[in-house]
Amino acid sequence: MPRKHLINCQHGCDDLEKATVAMIVAGAAAAMGGETAVFMTGDSVRLATDGGADGLQLEKYPAIGELVESFLDNGGQLWVCPVCANARDIGADDLIIGAEIAGAARTIGFVNDGAQVLM
């Protein structure tokens, strides 16, 4: 049975290092096969918007935009918390291809179906 991985990314510009590390872990999991999802909460929901990850990079770290793109290219799924998105006036039409509004019920169901929670 292929492995499932769930990463909770809580940060975006508010803590770019934590956001970068979460996307590095997510990218590695997606590249290894199986089903991988990132549940984006808090400020991280902005990273799933069109242009939201552009130009975000800490010195000596990979660019967030490249990490997100690689994650999606490897079949990863970005699940954007509906409450967090709504609080920031982000709707489904604002999201990049590969990102979708998906709440706690879907995330809990994914874990109940055997996903390992990595962060």
PDB file of N, CA and C in Angstrom:
ATOM      1  N   MET A   1       0.840  -1.184   0.000  1.00  0.00           N
ATOM      2  CA  MET A   1       0.000   0.000   0.000  1.00  0.00           C
ATOM      3  C   MET A   1       0.888   1.252   0.000  1.00  0.00           C
ATOM      4  N   PRO A   2       0.658   2.176  -0.933  1.00  0.00           N
ATOM      5  CA  PRO A   2       1.467   3.399  -0.981  1.00  0.00           C
ATOM      6  C   PRO A   2       1.260   4.230   0.283  1.00  0.00           C
ATOM      7  N   ARG A   3       2.295   4.893   0.671  1.00  0.00           N
ATOM      8  CA  ARG A   3       2.219   5.730   1.863  1.00  0.00           C
ATOM      9  C   ARG A   3       1.491   7.030   1.573  1.00  0.00           C
ATOM     10  N   LYS A   4       0.874   7.560   2.617  1.00  0.00           N
ATOM     11  CA  LYS A   4       0.238   8.870   2.566  1.00  0.00           C
ATOM     12  C   LYS A   4       0.928   9.746   3.595  1.00  0.00           C
ATOM     13  N   HIS A   5       1.151  10.999   3.216  1.00  0.00           N
ATOM     14  CA  HIS A   5       1.791  11.951   4.120  1.00  0.00           C
ATOM     15  C   HIS A   5       0.977  13.236   4.165  1.00  0.00           C
ATOM     16  N   LEU A   6       0.869  13.779   5.363  1.00  0.00           N
ATOM     17  CA  LEU A   6       0.205  15.058   5.572  1.00  0.00           C
ATOM     18  C   LEU A   6       1.164  15.983   6.299  1.00  0.00           C
ATOM     19  N   ILE A   7       1.340  17.165   5.744  1.00  0.00           N
ATOM     20  CA  ILE A   7       2.174  18.189   6.367  1.00  0.00           C
ATOM     21  C   ILE A   7       1.267  19.380   6.648  1.00  0.00           C
ATOM     22  N   ASN A   8       1.338  19.908   7.860  1.00  0.00           N
ATOM     23  CA  ASN A   8       0.588  21.123   8.182  1.00  0.00           C
ATOM     24  C   ASN A   8       1.544  22.294   8.089  1.00  0.00           C
ATOM     25  N   CYS A   9       1.299  23.178   7.147  1.00  0.00           N
ATOM     26  CA  CYS A   9       2.097  24.390   6.994  1.00  0.00           C
ATOM     27  C   CYS A   9       1.286  25.539   7.568  1.00  0.00           C
ATOM     28  N   GLN A  10       1.811  26.134   8.629  1.00  0.00           N
ATOM     29  CA  GLN A  10       1.089  27.198   9.326  1.00  0.00           C
ATOM     30  C   GLN A  10       1.621  28.595   9.008  1.00  0.00           C
ATOM     31  N   HIS A  11       2.760  28.657   8.364  1.00  0.00           N
ATOM     32  CA  HIS A  11       3.423  29.948   8.198  1.00  0.00           C
ATOM     33  C   HIS A  11       3.671  30.299   6.739  1.00  0.00           C
ATOM     34  N   GLY A  12       3.746  31.579   6.486  1.00  0.00           N
ATOM     35  CA  GLY A  12       4.088  32.130   5.185  1.00  0.00           C
ATOM     36  C   GLY A  12       5.119  33.219   5.429  1.00  0.00           C
ATOM     37  N   CYS A  13       4.800  34.436   5.035  1.00  0.00           N
ATOM     38  CA  CYS A  13       5.717  35.564   5.239  1.00  0.00           C
ATOM     39  C   CYS A  13       5.962  35.859   6.715  1.00  0.00           C
ATOM     40  N   ASP A  14       5.056  35.441   7.588  1.00  0.00           N
ATOM     41  CA  ASP A  14       5.227  35.692   9.017  1.00  0.00           C
ATOM     42  C   ASP A  14       6.388  34.900   9.610  1.00  0.00           C
ATOM     43  N   ASP A  15       6.751  33.771   9.006  1.00  0.00           N
ATOM     44  CA  ASP A  15       7.923  32.991   9.413  1.00  0.00           C
ATOM     45  C   ASP A  15       8.370  32.179   8.204  1.00  0.00           C
ATOM     46  N   LEU A  16       9.095  32.834   7.336  1.00  0.00           N
ATOM     47  CA  LEU A  16       9.491  32.242   6.059  1.00  0.00           C
ATOM     48  C   LEU A  16      10.362  31.006   6.231  1.00  0.00           C
ATOM     49  N   GLU A  17      11.144  30.957   7.298  1.00  0.00           N
ATOM     50  CA  GLU A  17      11.979  29.767   7.515  1.00  0.00           C
ATOM     51  C   GLU A  17      11.107  28.538   7.782  1.00  0.00           C
ATOM     52  N   LYS A  18      10.117  28.654   8.644  1.00  0.00           N
ATOM     53  CA  LYS A  18       9.231  27.524   8.938  1.00  0.00           C
ATOM     54  C   LYS A  18       8.421  27.128   7.707  1.00  0.00           C
ATOM     55  N   ALA A  19       7.996  28.103   6.928  1.00  0.00           N
ATOM     56  CA  ALA A  19       7.261  27.804   5.699  1.00  0.00           C
ATOM     57  C   ALA A  19       8.146  27.056   4.716  1.00  0.00           C
ATOM     58  N   THR A  20       9.389  27.488   4.588  1.00  0.00           N
ATOM     59  CA  THR A  20      10.324  26.851   3.671  1.00  0.00           C
ATOM     60  C   THR A  20      10.591  25.409   4.087  1.00  0.00           C
ATOM     61  N   VAL A  21      10.845  25.196   5.360  1.00  0.00           N
ATOM     62  CA  VAL A  21      11.124  23.845   5.842  1.00  0.00           C
ATOM     63  C   VAL A  21       9.915  22.934   5.623  1.00  0.00           C
ATOM     64  N   ALA A  22       8.722  23.430   5.886  1.00  0.00           N
ATOM     65  CA  ALA A  22       7.514  22.622   5.662  1.00  0.00           C
ATOM     66  C   ALA A  22       7.406  22.210   4.201  1.00  0.00           C
ATOM     67  N   MET A  23       7.710  23.129   3.291  1.00  0.00           N
ATOM     68  CA  MET A  23       7.603  22.804   1.866  1.00  0.00           C
ATOM     69  C   MET A  23       8.754  21.899   1.411  1.00  0.00           C
ATOM     70  N   ILE A  24       9.910  21.985   2.044  1.00  0.00           N
ATOM     71  CA  ILE A  24      10.999  21.055   1.729  1.00  0.00           C
ATOM     72  C   ILE A  24      10.586  19.637   2.117  1.00  0.00           C
ATOM     73  N   VAL A  25      10.040  19.485   3.315  1.00  0.00           N
ATOM     74  CA  VAL A  25       9.586  18.170   3.781  1.00  0.00           C
ATOM     75  C   VAL A  25       8.466  17.652   2.881  1.00  0.00           C
ATOM     76  N   ALA A  26       7.524  18.505   2.545  1.00  0.00           N
ATOM     77  CA  ALA A  26       6.419  18.102   1.671  1.00  0.00           C
ATOM     78  C   ALA A  26       6.930  17.674   0.305  1.00  0.00           C
ATOM     79  N   GLY A  27       7.873  18.427  -0.226  1.00  0.00           N
ATOM     80  CA  GLY A  27       8.433  18.089  -1.528  1.00  0.00           C
ATOM     81  C   GLY A  27       9.143  16.751  -1.524  1.00  0.00           C
ATOM     82  N   ALA A  28       9.883  16.476  -0.459  1.00  0.00           N
ATOM     83  CA  ALA A  28      10.578  15.193  -0.349  1.00  0.00           C
ATOM     84  C   ALA A  28       9.577  14.048  -0.273  1.00  0.00           C
ATOM     85  N   ALA A  29       8.519  14.227   0.500  1.00  0.00           N
ATOM     86  CA  ALA A  29       7.494  13.181   0.623  1.00  0.00           C
ATOM     87  C   ALA A  29       6.808  12.933  -0.718  1.00  0.00           C
ATOM     88  N   ALA A  30       6.461  13.996  -1.427  1.00  0.00           N
ATOM     89  CA  ALA A  30       5.790  13.843  -2.724  1.00  0.00           C
ATOM     90  C   ALA A  30       6.699  13.169  -3.736  1.00  0.00           C
ATOM     91  N   ALA A  31       7.977  13.490  -3.705  1.00  0.00           N
ATOM     92  CA  ALA A  31       8.933  12.911  -4.651  1.00  0.00           C
ATOM     93  C   ALA A  31       9.128  11.418  -4.415  1.00  0.00           C
ATOM     94  N   MET A  32       8.855  10.960  -3.198  1.00  0.00           N
ATOM     95  CA  MET A  32       9.026   9.548  -2.867  1.00  0.00           C
ATOM     96  C   MET A  32       7.824   8.702  -3.265  1.00  0.00           C
ATOM     97  N   GLY A  33       6.792   9.336  -3.787  1.00  0.00           N
ATOM     98  CA  GLY A  33       5.612   8.597  -4.221  1.00  0.00           C
ATOM     99  C   GLY A  33       4.547   8.575  -3.144  1.00  0.00           C
ATOM    100  N   GLY A  34       3.477   7.928  -3.461  1.00  0.00           N
ATOM    101  CA  GLY A  34       2.346   7.934  -2.550  1.00  0.00           C
ATOM    102  C   GLY A  34       1.574   9.226  -2.678  1.00  0.00           C
ATOM    103  N   GLU A  35       0.679   9.432  -1.769  1.00  0.00           N
ATOM    104  CA  GLU A  35      -0.181  10.619  -1.788  1.00  0.00           C
ATOM    105  C   GLU A  35       0.282  11.573  -0.703  1.00  0.00           C
ATOM    106  N   THR A  36       0.531  12.828  -1.087  1.00  0.00           N
ATOM    107  CA  THR A  36       1.012  13.825  -0.133  1.00  0.00           C
ATOM    108  C   THR A  36       0.159  15.075  -0.229  1.00  0.00           C
ATOM    109  N   ALA A  37      -0.264  15.560   0.936  1.00  0.00           N
ATOM    110  CA  ALA A  37      -1.045  16.783   1.001  1.00  0.00           C
ATOM    111  C   ALA A  37      -0.442  17.718   2.031  1.00  0.00           C
ATOM    112  N   VAL A  38      -0.519  19.007   1.743  1.00  0.00           N
ATOM    113  CA  VAL A  38      -0.150  20.043   2.695  1.00  0.00           C
ATOM    114  C   VAL A  38      -1.435  20.750   3.086  1.00  0.00           C
ATOM    115  N   PHE A  39      -1.752  20.717   4.389  1.00  0.00           N
ATOM    116  CA  PHE A  39      -2.893  21.463   4.900  1.00  0.00           C
ATOM    117  C   PHE A  39      -2.362  22.828   5.299  1.00  0.00           C
ATOM    118  N   MET A  40      -2.771  23.845   4.557  1.00  0.00           N
ATOM    119  CA  MET A  40      -2.262  25.202   4.742  1.00  0.00           C
ATOM    120  C   MET A  40      -3.210  25.973   5.650  1.00  0.00           C
ATOM    121  N   THR A  41      -2.651  26.422   6.778  1.00  0.00           N
ATOM    122  CA  THR A  41      -3.430  27.180   7.744  1.00  0.00           C
ATOM    123  C   THR A  41      -2.710  28.492   8.028  1.00  0.00           C
ATOM    124  N   GLY A  42      -3.377  29.372   8.737  1.00  0.00           N
ATOM    125  CA  GLY A  42      -2.757  30.647   9.092  1.00  0.00           C
ATOM    126  C   GLY A  42      -2.262  31.402   7.874  1.00  0.00           C
ATOM    127  N   ASP A  43      -1.129  32.056   8.023  1.00  0.00           N
ATOM    128  CA  ASP A  43      -0.589  32.907   6.961  1.00  0.00           C
ATOM    129  C   ASP A  43      -0.128  32.119   5.741  1.00  0.00           C
ATOM    130  N   SER A  44       0.067  30.791   5.891  1.00  0.00           N
ATOM    131  CA  SER A  44       0.537  29.994   4.751  1.00  0.00           C
ATOM    132  C   SER A  44      -0.460  29.974   3.600  1.00  0.00           C
ATOM    133  N   VAL A  45      -1.733  30.250   3.867  1.00  0.00           N
ATOM    134  CA  VAL A  45      -2.715  30.197   2.781  1.00  0.00           C
ATOM    135  C   VAL A  45      -2.370  31.178   1.661  1.00  0.00           C
ATOM    136  N   ARG A  46      -1.658  32.229   1.971  1.00  0.00           N
ATOM    137  CA  ARG A  46      -1.254  33.198   0.943  1.00  0.00           C
ATOM    138  C   ARG A  46      -0.289  32.572  -0.072  1.00  0.00           C
ATOM    139  N   LEU A  47       0.468  31.562   0.355  1.00  0.00           N
ATOM    140  CA  LEU A  47       1.423  30.911  -0.541  1.00  0.00           C
ATOM    141  C   LEU A  47       0.727  30.143  -1.656  1.00  0.00           C
ATOM    142  N   ALA A  48      -0.535  29.812  -1.464  1.00  0.00           N
ATOM    143  CA  ALA A  48      -1.302  29.053  -2.453  1.00  0.00           C
ATOM    144  C   ALA A  48      -2.055  29.958  -3.427  1.00  0.00           C
ATOM    145  N   THR A  49      -1.875  31.258  -3.291  1.00  0.00           N
ATOM    146  CA  THR A  49      -2.548  32.191  -4.199  1.00  0.00           C
ATOM    147  C   THR A  49      -1.650  32.516  -5.382  1.00  0.00           C
ATOM    148  N   ASP A  50      -2.282  32.944  -6.455  1.00  0.00           N
ATOM    149  CA  ASP A  50      -1.540  33.324  -7.653  1.00  0.00           C
ATOM    150  C   ASP A  50      -0.594  34.473  -7.310  1.00  0.00           C
ATOM    151  N   GLY A  51       0.695  34.231  -7.426  1.00  0.00           N
ATOM    152  CA  GLY A  51       1.708  35.231  -7.114  1.00  0.00           C
ATOM    153  C   GLY A  51       2.074  35.313  -5.639  1.00  0.00           C
ATOM    154  N   GLY A  52       1.405  34.551  -4.784  1.00  0.00           N
ATOM    155  CA  GLY A  52       1.624  34.635  -3.343  1.00  0.00           C
ATOM    156  C   GLY A  52       2.981  34.159  -2.868  1.00  0.00           C
ATOM    157  N   ALA A  53       3.635  33.312  -3.648  1.00  0.00           N
ATOM    158  CA  ALA A  53       4.955  32.810  -3.261  1.00  0.00           C
ATOM    159  C   ALA A  53       6.080  33.469  -4.060  1.00  0.00           C
ATOM    160  N   ASP A  54       5.712  34.328  -4.978  1.00  0.00           N
ATOM    161  CA  ASP A  54       6.718  34.965  -5.838  1.00  0.00           C
ATOM    162  C   ASP A  54       7.691  35.818  -5.030  1.00  0.00           C
ATOM    163  N   GLY A  55       8.976  35.614  -5.273  1.00  0.00           N
ATOM    164  CA  GLY A  55      10.012  36.433  -4.659  1.00  0.00           C
ATOM    165  C   GLY A  55      10.294  36.131  -3.197  1.00  0.00           C
ATOM    166  N   LEU A  56       9.689  35.099  -2.646  1.00  0.00           N
ATOM    167  CA  LEU A  56       9.902  34.778  -1.232  1.00  0.00           C
ATOM    168  C   LEU A  56      11.050  33.781  -1.097  1.00  0.00           C
ATOM    169  N   GLN A  57      12.125  34.246  -0.509  1.00  0.00           N
ATOM    170  CA  GLN A  57      13.297  33.386  -0.339  1.00  0.00           C
ATOM    171  C   GLN A  57      14.212  33.975   0.718  1.00  0.00           C
ATOM    172  N   LEU A  58      14.561  33.148   1.675  1.00  0.00           N
ATOM    173  CA  LEU A  58      15.577  33.532   2.646  1.00  0.00           C
ATOM    174  C   LEU A  58      16.952  33.248   2.058  1.00  0.00           C
ATOM    175  N   GLU A  59      17.928  34.011   2.495  1.00  0.00           N
ATOM    176  CA  GLU A  59      19.291  33.789   2.028  1.00  0.00           C
ATOM    177  C   GLU A  59      19.727  32.360   2.348  1.00  0.00           C
ATOM    178  N   LYS A  60      20.287  31.709   1.356  1.00  0.00           N
ATOM    179  CA  LYS A  60      20.815  30.338   1.436  1.00  0.00           C
ATOM    180  C   LYS A  60      19.730  29.262   1.528  1.00  0.00           C
ATOM    181  N   TYR A  61      18.481  29.625   1.324  1.00  0.00           N
ATOM    182  CA  TYR A  61      17.373  28.680   1.294  1.00  0.00           C
ATOM    183  C   TYR A  61      16.792  28.649  -0.112  1.00  0.00           C
ATOM    184  N   PRO A  62      16.147  27.541  -0.488  1.00  0.00           N
ATOM    185  CA  PRO A  62      15.464  27.531  -1.782  1.00  0.00           C
ATOM    186  C   PRO A  62      14.282  28.510  -1.781  1.00  0.00           C
ATOM    187  N   ALA A  63      13.929  28.983  -2.947  1.00  0.00           N
ATOM    188  CA  ALA A  63      12.781  29.886  -3.084  1.00  0.00           C
ATOM    189  C   ALA A  63      11.488  29.113  -2.837  1.00  0.00           C
ATOM    190  N   ILE A  64      10.590  29.712  -2.071  1.00  0.00           N
ATOM    191  CA  ILE A  64       9.303  29.066  -1.762  1.00  0.00           C
ATOM    192  C   ILE A  64       8.536  28.749  -3.050  1.00  0.00           C
ATOM    193  N   GLY A  65       8.526  29.664  -3.992  1.00  0.00           N
ATOM    194  CA  GLY A  65       7.798  29.428  -5.238  1.00  0.00           C
ATOM    195  C   GLY A  65       8.280  28.186  -5.958  1.00  0.00           C
ATOM    196  N   GLU A  66       9.592  27.979  -5.980  1.00  0.00           N
ATOM    197  CA  GLU A  66      10.155  26.788  -6.623  1.00  0.00           C
ATOM    198  C   GLU A  66       9.788  25.521  -5.852  1.00  0.00           C
ATOM    199  N   LEU A  67       9.775  25.606  -4.532  1.00  0.00           N
ATOM    200  CA  LEU A  67       9.394  24.446  -3.716  1.00  0.00           C
ATOM    201  C   LEU A  67       7.939  24.068  -3.938  1.00  0.00           C
ATOM    202  N   VAL A  68       7.076  25.066  -3.984  1.00  0.00           N
ATOM    203  CA  VAL A  68       5.651  24.806  -4.224  1.00  0.00           C
ATOM    204  C   VAL A  68       5.454  24.188  -5.605  1.00  0.00           C
ATOM    205  N   GLU A  69       6.116  24.755  -6.597  1.00  0.00           N
ATOM    206  CA  GLU A  69       5.991  24.240  -7.964  1.00  0.00           C
ATOM    207  C   GLU A  69       6.478  22.790  -8.064  1.00  0.00           C
ATOM    208  N   SER A  70       7.605  22.494  -7.467  1.00  0.00           N
ATOM    209  CA  SER A  70       8.145  21.141  -7.492  1.00  0.00           C
ATOM    210  C   SER A  70       7.214  20.170  -6.773  1.00  0.00           C
ATOM    211  N   PHE A  71       6.679  20.597  -5.638  1.00  0.00           N
ATOM    212  CA  PHE A  71       5.725  19.778  -4.878  1.00  0.00           C
ATOM    213  C   PHE A  71       4.520  19.417  -5.739  1.00  0.00           C
ATOM    214  N   LEU A  72       3.959  20.409  -6.391  1.00  0.00           N
ATOM    215  CA  LEU A  72       2.788  20.171  -7.240  1.00  0.00           C
ATOM    216  C   LEU A  72       3.148  19.304  -8.448  1.00  0.00           C
ATOM    217  N   ASP A  73       4.317  19.533  -9.028  1.00  0.00           N
ATOM    218  CA  ASP A  73       4.768  18.728 -10.169  1.00  0.00           C
ATOM    219  C   ASP A  73       4.914  17.250  -9.808  1.00  0.00           C
ATOM    220  N   ASN A  74       5.182  16.973  -8.527  1.00  0.00           N
ATOM    221  CA  ASN A  74       5.319  15.596  -8.059  1.00  0.00           C
ATOM    222  C   ASN A  74       4.002  15.018  -7.536  1.00  0.00           C
ATOM    223  N   GLY A  75       2.905  15.674  -7.864  1.00  0.00           N
ATOM    224  CA  GLY A  75       1.595  15.149  -7.501  1.00  0.00           C
ATOM    225  C   GLY A  75       1.077  15.574  -6.148  1.00  0.00           C
ATOM    226  N   GLY A  76       1.786  16.484  -5.486  1.00  0.00           N
ATOM    227  CA  GLY A  76       1.329  16.954  -4.186  1.00  0.00           C
ATOM    228  C   GLY A  76       0.055  17.776  -4.300  1.00  0.00           C
ATOM    229  N   GLN A  77      -0.672  17.820  -3.195  1.00  0.00           N
ATOM    230  CA  GLN A  77      -1.936  18.556  -3.134  1.00  0.00           C
ATOM    231  C   GLN A  77      -1.839  19.637  -2.057  1.00  0.00           C
ATOM    232  N   LEU A  78      -2.282  20.841  -2.378  1.00  0.00           N
ATOM    233  CA  LEU A  78      -2.339  21.932  -1.409  1.00  0.00           C
ATOM    234  C   LEU A  78      -3.786  22.111  -0.977  1.00  0.00           C
ATOM    235  N   TRP A  79      -4.039  21.883   0.294  1.00  0.00           N
ATOM    236  CA  TRP A  79      -5.377  22.053   0.848  1.00  0.00           C
ATOM    237  C   TRP A  79      -5.389  23.312   1.700  1.00  0.00           C
ATOM    238  N   VAL A  80      -6.176  24.274   1.299  1.00  0.00           N
ATOM    239  CA  VAL A  80      -6.227  25.580   1.944  1.00  0.00           C
ATOM    240  C   VAL A  80      -7.388  25.614   2.935  1.00  0.00           C
ATOM    241  N   CYS A  81      -7.064  25.927   4.178  1.00  0.00           N
ATOM    242  CA  CYS A  81      -8.078  26.022   5.226  1.00  0.00           C
ATOM    243  C   CYS A  81      -9.112  27.081   4.837  1.00  0.00           C
ATOM    244  N   PRO A  82     -10.396  26.700   4.795  1.00  0.00           N
ATOM    245  CA  PRO A  82     -11.413  27.670   4.385  1.00  0.00           C
ATOM    246  C   PRO A  82     -11.568  28.843   5.347  1.00  0.00           C
ATOM    247  N   VAL A  83     -11.438  28.596   6.633  1.00  0.00           N
ATOM    248  CA  VAL A  83     -11.575  29.672   7.609  1.00  0.00           C
ATOM    249  C   VAL A  83     -10.417  30.656   7.486  1.00  0.00           C
ATOM    250  N   CYS A  84      -9.202  30.116   7.346  1.00  0.00           N
ATOM    251  CA  CYS A  84      -8.013  30.970   7.215  1.00  0.00           C
ATOM    252  C   CYS A  84      -8.049  31.769   5.912  1.00  0.00           C
ATOM    253  N   ALA A  85      -8.510  31.127   4.840  1.00  0.00           N
ATOM    254  CA  ALA A  85      -8.626  31.817   3.553  1.00  0.00           C
ATOM    255  C   ALA A  85      -9.663  32.929   3.643  1.00  0.00           C
ATOM    256  N   ASN A  86     -10.804  32.619   4.213  1.00  0.00           N
ATOM    257  CA  ASN A  86     -11.872  33.607   4.344  1.00  0.00           C
ATOM    258  C   ASN A  86     -11.415  34.814   5.166  1.00  0.00           C
ATOM    259  N   ALA A  87     -10.646  34.567   6.224  1.00  0.00           N
ATOM    260  CA  ALA A  87     -10.152  35.658   7.068  1.00  0.00           C
ATOM    261  C   ALA A  87      -9.233  36.605   6.300  1.00  0.00           C
ATOM    262  N   ARG A  88      -8.675  36.120   5.197  1.00  0.00           N
ATOM    263  CA  ARG A  88      -7.763  36.919   4.375  1.00  0.00           C
ATOM    264  C   ARG A  88      -8.376  37.297   3.026  1.00  0.00           C
ATOM    265  N   ASP A  89      -9.692  37.137   2.918  1.00  0.00           N
ATOM    266  CA  ASP A  89     -10.426  37.447   1.687  1.00  0.00           C
ATOM    267  C   ASP A  89      -9.888  36.687   0.478  1.00  0.00           C
ATOM    268  N   ILE A  90      -9.497  35.425   0.691  1.00  0.00           N
ATOM    269  CA  ILE A  90      -9.000  34.561  -0.376  1.00  0.00           C
ATOM    270  C   ILE A  90     -10.100  33.575  -0.726  1.00  0.00           C
ATOM    271  N   GLY A  91     -10.429  33.512  -2.012  1.00  0.00           N
ATOM    272  CA  GLY A  91     -11.429  32.570  -2.486  1.00  0.00           C
ATOM    273  C   GLY A  91     -10.809  31.556  -3.425  1.00  0.00           C
ATOM    274  N   ALA A  92     -11.592  30.586  -3.831  1.00  0.00           N
ATOM    275  CA  ALA A  92     -11.109  29.519  -4.710  1.00  0.00           C
ATOM    276  C   ALA A  92     -10.526  30.082  -6.005  1.00  0.00           C
ATOM    277  N   ASP A  93     -11.076  31.161  -6.519  1.00  0.00           N
ATOM    278  CA  ASP A  93     -10.581  31.753  -7.766  1.00  0.00           C
ATOM    279  C   ASP A  93      -9.204  32.405  -7.620  1.00  0.00           C
ATOM    280  N   ASP A  94      -8.785  32.639  -6.389  1.00  0.00           N
ATOM    281  CA  ASP A  94      -7.484  33.260  -6.133  1.00  0.00           C
ATOM    282  C   ASP A  94      -6.348  32.242  -6.072  1.00  0.00           C
ATOM    283  N   LEU A  95      -6.684  30.957  -6.026  1.00  0.00           N
ATOM    284  CA  LEU A  95      -5.692  29.906  -5.797  1.00  0.00           C
ATOM    285  C   LEU A  95      -4.994  29.471  -7.081  1.00  0.00           C
ATOM    286  N   ILE A  96      -3.771  28.993  -6.908  1.00  0.00           N
ATOM    287  CA  ILE A  96      -3.012  28.449  -8.030  1.00  0.00           C
ATOM    288  C   ILE A  96      -3.567  27.073  -8.400  1.00  0.00           C
ATOM    289  N   ILE A  97      -3.254  26.623  -9.587  1.00  0.00           N
ATOM    290  CA  ILE A  97      -3.654  25.284 -10.014  1.00  0.00           C
ATOM    291  C   ILE A  97      -2.951  24.277  -9.110  1.00  0.00           C
ATOM    292  N   GLY A  98      -3.714  23.349  -8.573  1.00  0.00           N
ATOM    293  CA  GLY A  98      -3.181  22.353  -7.647  1.00  0.00           C
ATOM    294  C   GLY A  98      -3.532  22.647  -6.201  1.00  0.00           C
ATOM    295  N   ALA A  99      -4.064  23.831  -5.957  1.00  0.00           N
ATOM    296  CA  ALA A  99      -4.511  24.198  -4.608  1.00  0.00           C
ATOM    297  C   ALA A  99      -6.029  24.236  -4.598  1.00  0.00           C
ATOM    298  N   GLU A 100      -6.593  23.867  -3.469  1.00  0.00           N
ATOM    299  CA  GLU A 100      -8.052  23.892  -3.337  1.00  0.00           C
ATOM    300  C   GLU A 100      -8.442  24.182  -1.896  1.00  0.00           C
ATOM    301  N   ILE A 101      -9.622  24.723  -1.744  1.00  0.00           N
ATOM    302  CA  ILE A 101     -10.177  24.942  -0.412  1.00  0.00           C
ATOM    303  C   ILE A 101     -10.610  23.574   0.118  1.00  0.00           C
ATOM    304  N   ALA A 102     -10.059  23.187   1.255  1.00  0.00           N
ATOM    305  CA  ALA A 102     -10.385  21.896   1.863  1.00  0.00           C
ATOM    306  C   ALA A 102     -10.202  22.027   3.366  1.00  0.00           C
ATOM    307  N   GLY A 103     -11.211  21.680   4.099  1.00  0.00           N
ATOM    308  CA  GLY A 103     -11.198  21.923   5.529  1.00  0.00           C
ATOM    309  C   GLY A 103     -10.765  20.762   6.396  1.00  0.00           C
ATOM    310  N   ALA A 104     -11.105  20.907   7.656  1.00  0.00           N
ATOM    311  CA  ALA A 104     -10.679  19.953   8.675  1.00  0.00           C
ATOM    312  C   ALA A 104     -11.236  18.555   8.419  1.00  0.00           C
ATOM    313  N   ALA A 105     -12.468  18.451   7.960  1.00  0.00           N
ATOM    314  CA  ALA A 105     -13.061  17.128   7.745  1.00  0.00           C
ATOM    315  C   ALA A 105     -12.254  16.323   6.721  1.00  0.00           C
ATOM    316  N   ARG A 106     -11.861  16.959   5.635  1.00  0.00           N
ATOM    317  CA  ARG A 106     -11.061  16.257   4.626  1.00  0.00           C
ATOM    318  C   ARG A 106      -9.694  15.883   5.190  1.00  0.00           C
ATOM    319  N   THR A 107      -9.114  16.784   5.935  1.00  0.00           N
ATOM    320  CA  THR A 107      -7.791  16.540   6.511  1.00  0.00           C
ATOM    321  C   THR A 107      -7.844  15.395   7.524  1.00  0.00           C
ATOM    322  N   ILE A 108      -8.821  15.409   8.391  1.00  0.00           N
ATOM    323  CA  ILE A 108      -8.975  14.337   9.387  1.00  0.00           C
ATOM    324  C   ILE A 108      -9.262  13.012   8.680  1.00  0.00           C
ATOM    325  N   GLY A 109     -10.080  13.034   7.642  1.00  0.00           N
ATOM    326  CA  GLY A 109     -10.363  11.821   6.874  1.00  0.00           C
ATOM    327  C   GLY A 109      -9.104  11.241   6.254  1.00  0.00           C
ATOM    328  N   PHE A 110      -8.228  12.103   5.766  1.00  0.00           N
ATOM    329  CA  PHE A 110      -6.963  11.680   5.169  1.00  0.00           C
ATOM    330  C   PHE A 110      -6.093  10.980   6.219  1.00  0.00           C
ATOM    331  N   VAL A 111      -6.047  11.549   7.412  1.00  0.00           N
ATOM    332  CA  VAL A 111      -5.284  10.934   8.503  1.00  0.00           C
ATOM    333  C   VAL A 111      -5.925   9.607   8.902  1.00  0.00           C
ATOM    334  N   ASN A 112      -7.239   9.580   9.000  1.00  0.00           N
ATOM    335  CA  ASN A 112      -7.945   8.345   9.352  1.00  0.00           C
ATOM    336  C   ASN A 112      -7.732   7.249   8.309  1.00  0.00           C
ATOM    337  N   ASP A 113      -7.452   7.649   7.074  1.00  0.00           N
ATOM    338  CA  ASP A 113      -7.163   6.683   5.996  1.00  0.00           C
ATOM    339  C   ASP A 113      -5.694   6.254   5.978  1.00  0.00           C
ATOM    340  N   GLY A 114      -4.934   6.649   6.997  1.00  0.00           N
ATOM    341  CA  GLY A 114      -3.572   6.153   7.123  1.00  0.00           C
ATOM    342  C   GLY A 114      -2.446   7.125   6.848  1.00  0.00           C
ATOM    343  N   ALA A 115      -2.760   8.386   6.625  1.00  0.00           N
ATOM    344  CA  ALA A 115      -1.699   9.357   6.361  1.00  0.00           C
ATOM    345  C   ALA A 115      -0.844   9.568   7.609  1.00  0.00           C
ATOM    346  N   GLN A 116       0.469   9.645   7.394  1.00  0.00           N
ATOM    347  CA  GLN A 116       1.387   9.996   8.472  1.00  0.00           C
ATOM    348  C   GLN A 116       1.490  11.506   8.528  1.00  0.00           C
ATOM    349  N   VAL A 117       1.363  12.049   9.720  1.00  0.00           N
ATOM    350  CA  VAL A 117       1.474  13.493   9.906  1.00  0.00           C
ATOM    351  C   VAL A 117       2.944  13.799  10.177  1.00  0.00           C
ATOM    352  N   LEU A 118       3.530  14.638   9.313  1.00  0.00           N
ATOM    353  CA  LEU A 118       4.955  14.921   9.409  1.00  0.00           C
ATOM    354  C   LEU A 118       5.266  16.209  10.152  1.00  0.00           C
ATOM    355  N   MET A 119       4.368  17.158  10.163  1.00  0.00           N
ATOM    356  CA  MET A 119       4.615  18.406  10.884  1.00  0.00           C
ATOM    357  C   MET A 119       3.322  18.904  11.452  1.00  0.00           C
TER     358      MET A 119
END
